[in-house]
Amino acid sequence: MLVNIDTRDPRPVFRQIVDEVQRCIAVGVVKPGELLPAVRQLAIELKVNANTVQHAYRTLEGEGTVYIKRGIGTFVAARPSPAAGRQAQIARQLAERLLREGYRHGILASDLIAALREIAPPRPGTPEAGQP
């Protein structure tokens, strides 16, 4: 599982872990029923306190994203595909991060939008995809 922590990100580390785990689930890197890394293992990988990872896992459990089997581990909860509302929330979080990074480099939101449109593949069924 690919979890990245950004020390420049203003969000608390536990929230970054929660968001990253949710992202991994949303994009299919981690599937329902799959075991997440042990608290200590992930803490070592991320170079954070184990209590921080534990807090993130408990937050995920409270949201229904994972379930914890004491003594066995933390597993991704079985769900149907992510709801559109969840995808919109992830998209907003990504956009906020992109804007923060862009502003740090003096890039305007309009320039970021233009760059995204330039590199994004056209959606099927749109005029840009060559269909009426």
N, C-alpha and C. Protein backbone atom coordinates (compact mmCIF):
# COMPACT_ATOMS: atom_id res chain seq x y z
N MET A 1 0.86 -1.18 0.00
CA MET A 1 0.00 0.00 0.00
C MET A 1 0.89 1.23 0.00
N LEU A 2 0.56 2.17 -0.83
CA LEU A 2 1.36 3.39 -0.95
C LEU A 2 0.73 4.52 -0.15
N VAL A 3 1.33 4.83 0.98
CA VAL A 3 0.88 5.92 1.83
C VAL A 3 2.00 6.95 1.88
N ASN A 4 1.67 8.17 1.51
CA ASN A 4 2.67 9.24 1.52
C ASN A 4 2.27 10.30 2.52
N ILE A 5 3.25 10.75 3.30
CA ILE A 5 3.05 11.82 4.27
C ILE A 5 3.88 13.00 3.81
N ASP A 6 3.27 14.17 3.79
CA ASP A 6 3.96 15.39 3.39
C ASP A 6 4.10 16.29 4.60
N THR A 7 5.33 16.51 5.03
CA THR A 7 5.58 17.33 6.23
C THR A 7 5.17 18.79 6.01
N ARG A 8 5.04 19.22 4.76
CA ARG A 8 4.62 20.60 4.47
C ARG A 8 3.11 20.75 4.45
N ASP A 9 2.41 19.64 4.44
CA ASP A 9 0.95 19.65 4.41
C ASP A 9 0.42 20.12 5.76
N PRO A 10 -0.50 21.09 5.79
CA PRO A 10 -1.00 21.60 7.06
C PRO A 10 -1.92 20.62 7.80
N ARG A 11 -2.39 19.58 7.11
CA ARG A 11 -3.26 18.60 7.78
C ARG A 11 -2.45 17.79 8.79
N PRO A 12 -3.09 17.40 9.90
CA PRO A 12 -2.39 16.55 10.86
C PRO A 12 -1.97 15.23 10.20
N VAL A 13 -0.91 14.63 10.69
CA VAL A 13 -0.38 13.41 10.09
C VAL A 13 -1.43 12.29 10.10
N PHE A 14 -2.17 12.16 11.20
CA PHE A 14 -3.18 11.08 11.24
C PHE A 14 -4.20 11.28 10.13
N ARG A 15 -4.59 12.54 9.83
CA ARG A 15 -5.56 12.83 8.79
C ARG A 15 -4.99 12.50 7.42
N GLN A 16 -3.69 12.76 7.23
CA GLN A 16 -3.05 12.41 5.96
C GLN A 16 -3.10 10.89 5.76
N ILE A 17 -2.85 10.14 6.84
CA ILE A 17 -2.90 8.68 6.76
C ILE A 17 -4.32 8.23 6.41
N VAL A 18 -5.31 8.79 7.08
CA VAL A 18 -6.71 8.45 6.80
C VAL A 18 -7.02 8.72 5.32
N ASP A 19 -6.67 9.90 4.85
CA ASP A 19 -6.95 10.27 3.46
C ASP A 19 -6.23 9.36 2.47
N GLU A 20 -4.99 9.01 2.78
CA GLU A 20 -4.22 8.15 1.88
C GLU A 20 -4.80 6.74 1.84
N VAL A 21 -5.21 6.21 2.98
CA VAL A 21 -5.83 4.88 2.99
C VAL A 21 -7.13 4.92 2.19
N GLN A 22 -7.92 5.95 2.39
CA GLN A 22 -9.17 6.09 1.63
C GLN A 22 -8.90 6.21 0.14
N ARG A 23 -7.84 6.91 -0.22
CA ARG A 23 -7.47 7.03 -1.64
C ARG A 23 -7.10 5.67 -2.20
N CYS A 24 -6.30 4.91 -1.45
CA CYS A 24 -5.89 3.58 -1.90
C CYS A 24 -7.10 2.67 -2.11
N ILE A 25 -8.08 2.79 -1.24
CA ILE A 25 -9.30 1.99 -1.38
C ILE A 25 -10.08 2.46 -2.60
N ALA A 26 -10.23 3.77 -2.76
CA ALA A 26 -11.02 4.33 -3.86
C ALA A 26 -10.46 3.97 -5.23
N VAL A 27 -9.14 3.93 -5.35
CA VAL A 27 -8.54 3.62 -6.65
C VAL A 27 -8.28 2.14 -6.85
N GLY A 28 -8.61 1.33 -5.83
CA GLY A 28 -8.50 -0.12 -5.98
C GLY A 28 -7.14 -0.71 -5.64
N VAL A 29 -6.25 0.08 -5.06
CA VAL A 29 -4.95 -0.45 -4.64
C VAL A 29 -5.15 -1.44 -3.50
N VAL A 30 -6.13 -1.15 -2.66
CA VAL A 30 -6.48 -2.02 -1.55
C VAL A 30 -7.94 -2.41 -1.73
N LYS A 31 -8.23 -3.69 -1.64
CA LYS A 31 -9.57 -4.19 -1.90
C LYS A 31 -10.29 -4.55 -0.59
N PRO A 32 -11.64 -4.58 -0.62
CA PRO A 32 -12.40 -4.98 0.56
C PRO A 32 -11.95 -6.35 1.08
N GLY A 33 -11.84 -6.45 2.40
CA GLY A 33 -11.40 -7.68 3.04
C GLY A 33 -9.90 -7.81 3.17
N GLU A 34 -9.17 -6.91 2.52
CA GLU A 34 -7.70 -6.97 2.54
C GLU A 34 -7.16 -6.43 3.85
N LEU A 35 -6.10 -7.05 4.32
CA LEU A 35 -5.43 -6.66 5.56
C LEU A 35 -4.55 -5.44 5.32
N LEU A 36 -4.70 -4.42 6.15
CA LEU A 36 -3.83 -3.24 6.08
C LEU A 36 -2.54 -3.54 6.83
N PRO A 37 -1.49 -2.77 6.58
CA PRO A 37 -0.25 -2.97 7.33
C PRO A 37 -0.49 -2.83 8.83
N ALA A 38 0.26 -3.58 9.62
CA ALA A 38 0.16 -3.47 11.07
C ALA A 38 0.53 -2.05 11.50
N VAL A 39 -0.01 -1.64 12.62
CA VAL A 39 0.22 -0.28 13.12
C VAL A 39 1.71 0.00 13.23
N ARG A 40 2.44 -0.88 13.87
CA ARG A 40 3.89 -0.66 14.06
C ARG A 40 4.64 -0.64 12.73
N GLN A 41 4.26 -1.56 11.85
CA GLN A 41 4.92 -1.62 10.54
C GLN A 41 4.73 -0.32 9.77
N LEU A 42 3.50 0.19 9.72
CA LEU A 42 3.23 1.43 8.99
C LEU A 42 3.91 2.61 9.67
N ALA A 43 3.92 2.61 11.00
CA ALA A 43 4.59 3.70 11.73
C ALA A 43 6.07 3.74 11.40
N ILE A 44 6.70 2.59 11.32
CA ILE A 44 8.13 2.53 10.96
C ILE A 44 8.34 3.02 9.54
N GLU A 45 7.50 2.55 8.61
CA GLU A 45 7.63 2.97 7.21
C GLU A 45 7.49 4.47 7.04
N LEU A 46 6.53 5.06 7.78
CA LEU A 46 6.25 6.48 7.64
C LEU A 46 7.10 7.35 8.57
N LYS A 47 7.83 6.69 9.48
CA LYS A 47 8.64 7.40 10.47
C LYS A 47 7.78 8.32 11.33
N VAL A 48 6.69 7.74 11.83
CA VAL A 48 5.80 8.46 12.74
C VAL A 48 5.56 7.60 13.97
N ASN A 49 4.97 8.19 14.98
CA ASN A 49 4.65 7.48 16.21
C ASN A 49 3.54 6.46 15.94
N ALA A 50 3.63 5.30 16.54
CA ALA A 50 2.61 4.26 16.36
C ALA A 50 1.24 4.74 16.82
N ASN A 51 1.21 5.61 17.82
CA ASN A 51 -0.09 6.15 18.28
C ASN A 51 -0.78 6.96 17.19
N THR A 52 0.00 7.60 16.32
CA THR A 52 -0.56 8.37 15.21
C THR A 52 -1.26 7.44 14.23
N VAL A 53 -0.61 6.34 13.90
CA VAL A 53 -1.21 5.35 12.99
C VAL A 53 -2.44 4.74 13.65
N GLN A 54 -2.34 4.42 14.93
CA GLN A 54 -3.48 3.85 15.66
C GLN A 54 -4.67 4.81 15.62
N HIS A 55 -4.41 6.09 15.81
CA HIS A 55 -5.47 7.11 15.76
C HIS A 55 -6.11 7.13 14.37
N ALA A 56 -5.30 7.05 13.33
CA ALA A 56 -5.82 7.03 11.96
C ALA A 56 -6.69 5.80 11.73
N TYR A 57 -6.23 4.63 12.17
CA TYR A 57 -7.00 3.41 11.99
C TYR A 57 -8.32 3.48 12.76
N ARG A 58 -8.29 4.03 13.96
CA ARG A 58 -9.54 4.16 14.74
C ARG A 58 -10.50 5.13 14.05
N THR A 59 -9.96 6.19 13.47
CA THR A 59 -10.79 7.14 12.72
C THR A 59 -11.44 6.43 11.53
N LEU A 60 -10.65 5.66 10.81
CA LEU A 60 -11.17 4.90 9.67
C LEU A 60 -12.23 3.90 10.11
N GLU A 61 -12.01 3.28 11.27
CA GLU A 61 -12.99 2.34 11.79
C GLU A 61 -14.29 3.07 12.13
N GLY A 62 -14.18 4.24 12.75
CA GLY A 62 -15.35 5.03 13.10
C GLY A 62 -16.15 5.46 11.88
N GLU A 63 -15.47 5.66 10.76
CA GLU A 63 -16.14 6.05 9.51
C GLU A 63 -16.70 4.85 8.76
N GLY A 64 -16.39 3.63 9.24
CA GLY A 64 -16.86 2.42 8.57
C GLY A 64 -16.01 1.99 7.40
N THR A 65 -14.84 2.60 7.24
CA THR A 65 -13.97 2.27 6.12
C THR A 65 -13.21 0.97 6.37
N VAL A 66 -12.87 0.72 7.64
CA VAL A 66 -12.14 -0.50 8.00
C VAL A 66 -12.81 -1.12 9.23
N TYR A 67 -12.44 -2.36 9.50
CA TYR A 67 -12.84 -2.98 10.76
C TYR A 67 -11.61 -3.61 11.36
N ILE A 68 -11.58 -3.63 12.69
CA ILE A 68 -10.41 -4.12 13.41
C ILE A 68 -10.77 -5.43 14.11
N LYS A 69 -9.96 -6.45 13.87
CA LYS A 69 -10.08 -7.71 14.60
C LYS A 69 -8.93 -7.74 15.59
N ARG A 70 -9.25 -7.59 16.85
CA ARG A 70 -8.23 -7.55 17.89
C ARG A 70 -7.29 -8.74 17.78
N GLY A 71 -6.01 -8.45 17.80
CA GLY A 71 -5.00 -9.49 17.75
C GLY A 71 -4.72 -10.03 16.36
N ILE A 72 -5.54 -9.64 15.38
CA ILE A 72 -5.35 -10.13 14.02
C ILE A 72 -4.91 -9.01 13.09
N GLY A 73 -5.65 -7.89 13.12
CA GLY A 73 -5.27 -6.77 12.27
C GLY A 73 -6.44 -5.89 11.86
N THR A 74 -6.16 -4.98 10.96
CA THR A 74 -7.14 -4.03 10.46
C THR A 74 -7.42 -4.38 9.00
N PHE A 75 -8.70 -4.52 8.67
CA PHE A 75 -9.12 -4.95 7.35
C PHE A 75 -10.01 -3.90 6.70
N VAL A 76 -9.96 -3.85 5.37
CA VAL A 76 -10.82 -2.94 4.61
C VAL A 76 -12.24 -3.50 4.66
N ALA A 77 -13.18 -2.65 5.00
CA ALA A 77 -14.59 -3.06 5.08
C ALA A 77 -15.13 -3.37 3.70
N ALA A 78 -16.01 -4.35 3.64
CA ALA A 78 -16.65 -4.71 2.37
C ALA A 78 -17.69 -3.65 2.03
N ARG A 79 -17.58 -3.10 0.85
CA ARG A 79 -18.51 -2.07 0.37
C ARG A 79 -18.67 -2.22 -1.12
N PRO A 80 -19.78 -1.70 -1.62
CA PRO A 80 -19.86 -1.58 -3.07
C PRO A 80 -18.89 -0.49 -3.54
N SER A 81 -18.81 -0.25 -4.81
CA SER A 81 -17.89 0.76 -5.33
C SER A 81 -18.11 2.09 -4.63
N PRO A 82 -17.07 2.93 -4.53
CA PRO A 82 -17.19 4.19 -3.80
C PRO A 82 -18.35 5.03 -4.33
N ALA A 83 -19.07 5.62 -3.41
CA ALA A 83 -20.19 6.48 -3.79
C ALA A 83 -19.68 7.73 -4.49
N ALA A 84 -20.51 8.32 -5.31
CA ALA A 84 -20.12 9.53 -6.03
C ALA A 84 -19.73 10.63 -5.05
N GLY A 85 -20.42 10.69 -3.91
CA GLY A 85 -20.09 11.70 -2.90
C GLY A 85 -18.68 11.52 -2.38
N ARG A 86 -18.25 10.30 -2.18
CA ARG A 86 -16.90 10.03 -1.70
C ARG A 86 -15.88 10.41 -2.77
N GLN A 87 -16.17 10.10 -4.01
CA GLN A 87 -15.27 10.47 -5.09
C GLN A 87 -15.15 11.98 -5.21
N ALA A 88 -16.25 12.68 -5.03
CA ALA A 88 -16.22 14.15 -5.07
C ALA A 88 -15.38 14.69 -3.92
N GLN A 89 -15.48 14.07 -2.76
CA GLN A 89 -14.69 14.50 -1.61
C GLN A 89 -13.19 14.30 -1.88
N ILE A 90 -12.84 13.16 -2.45
CA ILE A 90 -11.44 12.89 -2.78
C ILE A 90 -10.95 13.89 -3.83
N ALA A 91 -11.78 14.16 -4.84
CA ALA A 91 -11.40 15.12 -5.88
C ALA A 91 -11.16 16.49 -5.27
N ARG A 92 -12.00 16.89 -4.33
CA ARG A 92 -11.83 18.19 -3.68
C ARG A 92 -10.53 18.24 -2.88
N GLN A 93 -10.23 17.17 -2.16
CA GLN A 93 -8.99 17.12 -1.39
C GLN A 93 -7.77 17.22 -2.30
N LEU A 94 -7.81 16.50 -3.41
CA LEU A 94 -6.71 16.57 -4.36
C LEU A 94 -6.57 17.98 -4.95
N ALA A 95 -7.71 18.58 -5.28
CA ALA A 95 -7.68 19.94 -5.84
C ALA A 95 -7.12 20.94 -4.83
N GLU A 96 -7.49 20.79 -3.57
CA GLU A 96 -6.97 21.69 -2.54
C GLU A 96 -5.46 21.56 -2.41
N ARG A 97 -4.96 20.32 -2.44
CA ARG A 97 -3.51 20.11 -2.37
C ARG A 97 -2.81 20.71 -3.58
N LEU A 98 -3.40 20.50 -4.75
CA LEU A 98 -2.82 21.04 -5.98
C LEU A 98 -2.77 22.56 -5.93
N LEU A 99 -3.84 23.18 -5.46
CA LEU A 99 -3.86 24.64 -5.35
C LEU A 99 -2.80 25.15 -4.37
N ARG A 100 -2.69 24.49 -3.21
CA ARG A 100 -1.67 24.91 -2.23
C ARG A 100 -0.27 24.85 -2.84
N GLU A 101 0.02 23.73 -3.52
CA GLU A 101 1.33 23.58 -4.14
C GLU A 101 1.53 24.61 -5.24
N GLY A 102 0.50 24.84 -6.04
CA GLY A 102 0.60 25.82 -7.11
C GLY A 102 0.85 27.22 -6.57
N TYR A 103 0.12 27.60 -5.54
CA TYR A 103 0.31 28.93 -4.95
C TYR A 103 1.71 29.09 -4.38
N ARG A 104 2.25 28.02 -3.81
CA ARG A 104 3.62 28.08 -3.29
C ARG A 104 4.63 28.40 -4.39
N HIS A 105 4.27 28.00 -5.61
CA HIS A 105 5.18 28.22 -6.74
C HIS A 105 4.75 29.39 -7.61
N GLY A 106 3.76 30.15 -7.13
CA GLY A 106 3.33 31.32 -7.87
C GLY A 106 2.46 31.01 -9.08
N ILE A 107 1.80 29.86 -9.09
CA ILE A 107 0.98 29.46 -10.22
C ILE A 107 -0.48 29.74 -9.90
N LEU A 108 -1.19 30.37 -10.84
CA LEU A 108 -2.59 30.70 -10.65
C LEU A 108 -3.47 29.48 -10.86
N ALA A 109 -4.66 29.50 -10.25
CA ALA A 109 -5.62 28.41 -10.40
C ALA A 109 -5.98 28.21 -11.87
N SER A 110 -6.13 29.29 -12.63
CA SER A 110 -6.49 29.18 -14.05
C SER A 110 -5.39 28.47 -14.84
N ASP A 111 -4.12 28.68 -14.45
CA ASP A 111 -3.02 27.99 -15.12
C ASP A 111 -3.04 26.50 -14.80
N LEU A 112 -3.37 26.16 -13.56
CA LEU A 112 -3.46 24.75 -13.17
C LEU A 112 -4.59 24.05 -13.92
N ILE A 113 -5.74 24.73 -14.03
CA ILE A 113 -6.87 24.16 -14.75
C ILE A 113 -6.52 23.93 -16.21
N ALA A 114 -5.85 24.90 -16.82
CA ALA A 114 -5.44 24.77 -18.23
C ALA A 114 -4.48 23.59 -18.40
N ALA A 115 -3.56 23.44 -17.46
CA ALA A 115 -2.60 22.33 -17.54
C ALA A 115 -3.31 20.98 -17.38
N LEU A 116 -4.28 20.90 -16.48
CA LEU A 116 -5.04 19.66 -16.30
C LEU A 116 -5.82 19.32 -17.57
N ARG A 117 -6.44 20.33 -18.18
CA ARG A 117 -7.20 20.07 -19.41
C ARG A 117 -6.27 19.61 -20.53
N GLU A 118 -5.08 20.16 -20.55
CA GLU A 118 -4.11 19.82 -21.60
C GLU A 118 -3.63 18.37 -21.48
N ILE A 119 -3.43 17.89 -20.24
CA ILE A 119 -2.85 16.55 -20.07
C ILE A 119 -3.88 15.45 -19.85
N ALA A 120 -5.11 15.82 -19.49
CA ALA A 120 -6.14 14.81 -19.20
C ALA A 120 -6.68 14.22 -20.50
N PRO A 121 -6.85 12.90 -20.52
CA PRO A 121 -7.46 12.30 -21.71
C PRO A 121 -8.93 12.68 -21.77
N PRO A 122 -9.49 12.84 -22.97
CA PRO A 122 -10.90 13.20 -23.07
C PRO A 122 -11.78 12.06 -22.56
N ARG A 123 -12.91 12.43 -21.95
CA ARG A 123 -13.85 11.43 -21.46
C ARG A 123 -14.60 10.83 -22.63
N PRO A 124 -14.83 9.52 -22.62
CA PRO A 124 -15.58 8.90 -23.72
C PRO A 124 -16.96 9.53 -23.86
N GLY A 125 -17.39 9.72 -25.08
CA GLY A 125 -18.71 10.26 -25.34
C GLY A 125 -18.76 11.77 -25.38
N THR A 126 -17.60 12.45 -25.22
CA THR A 126 -17.59 13.91 -25.30
C THR A 126 -17.09 14.33 -26.67
N PRO A 127 -17.42 15.55 -27.12
CA PRO A 127 -16.95 16.01 -28.43
C PRO A 127 -15.42 15.95 -28.55
N GLU A 128 -14.72 16.19 -27.43
CA GLU A 128 -13.25 16.15 -27.47
C GLU A 128 -12.73 14.76 -27.81
N ALA A 129 -13.55 13.72 -27.55
CA ALA A 129 -13.13 12.35 -27.79
C ALA A 129 -13.39 11.94 -29.24
N GLY A 130 -13.90 12.89 -30.05
CA GLY A 130 -14.13 12.61 -31.46
C GLY A 130 -15.50 12.01 -31.73
N GLN A 131 -16.41 12.10 -30.76
CA GLN A 131 -17.76 11.60 -30.95
C GLN A 131 -18.73 12.77 -30.86
N PRO A 132 -19.84 12.71 -31.58
CA PRO A 132 -20.82 13.83 -31.51
C PRO A 132 -21.48 13.96 -30.18
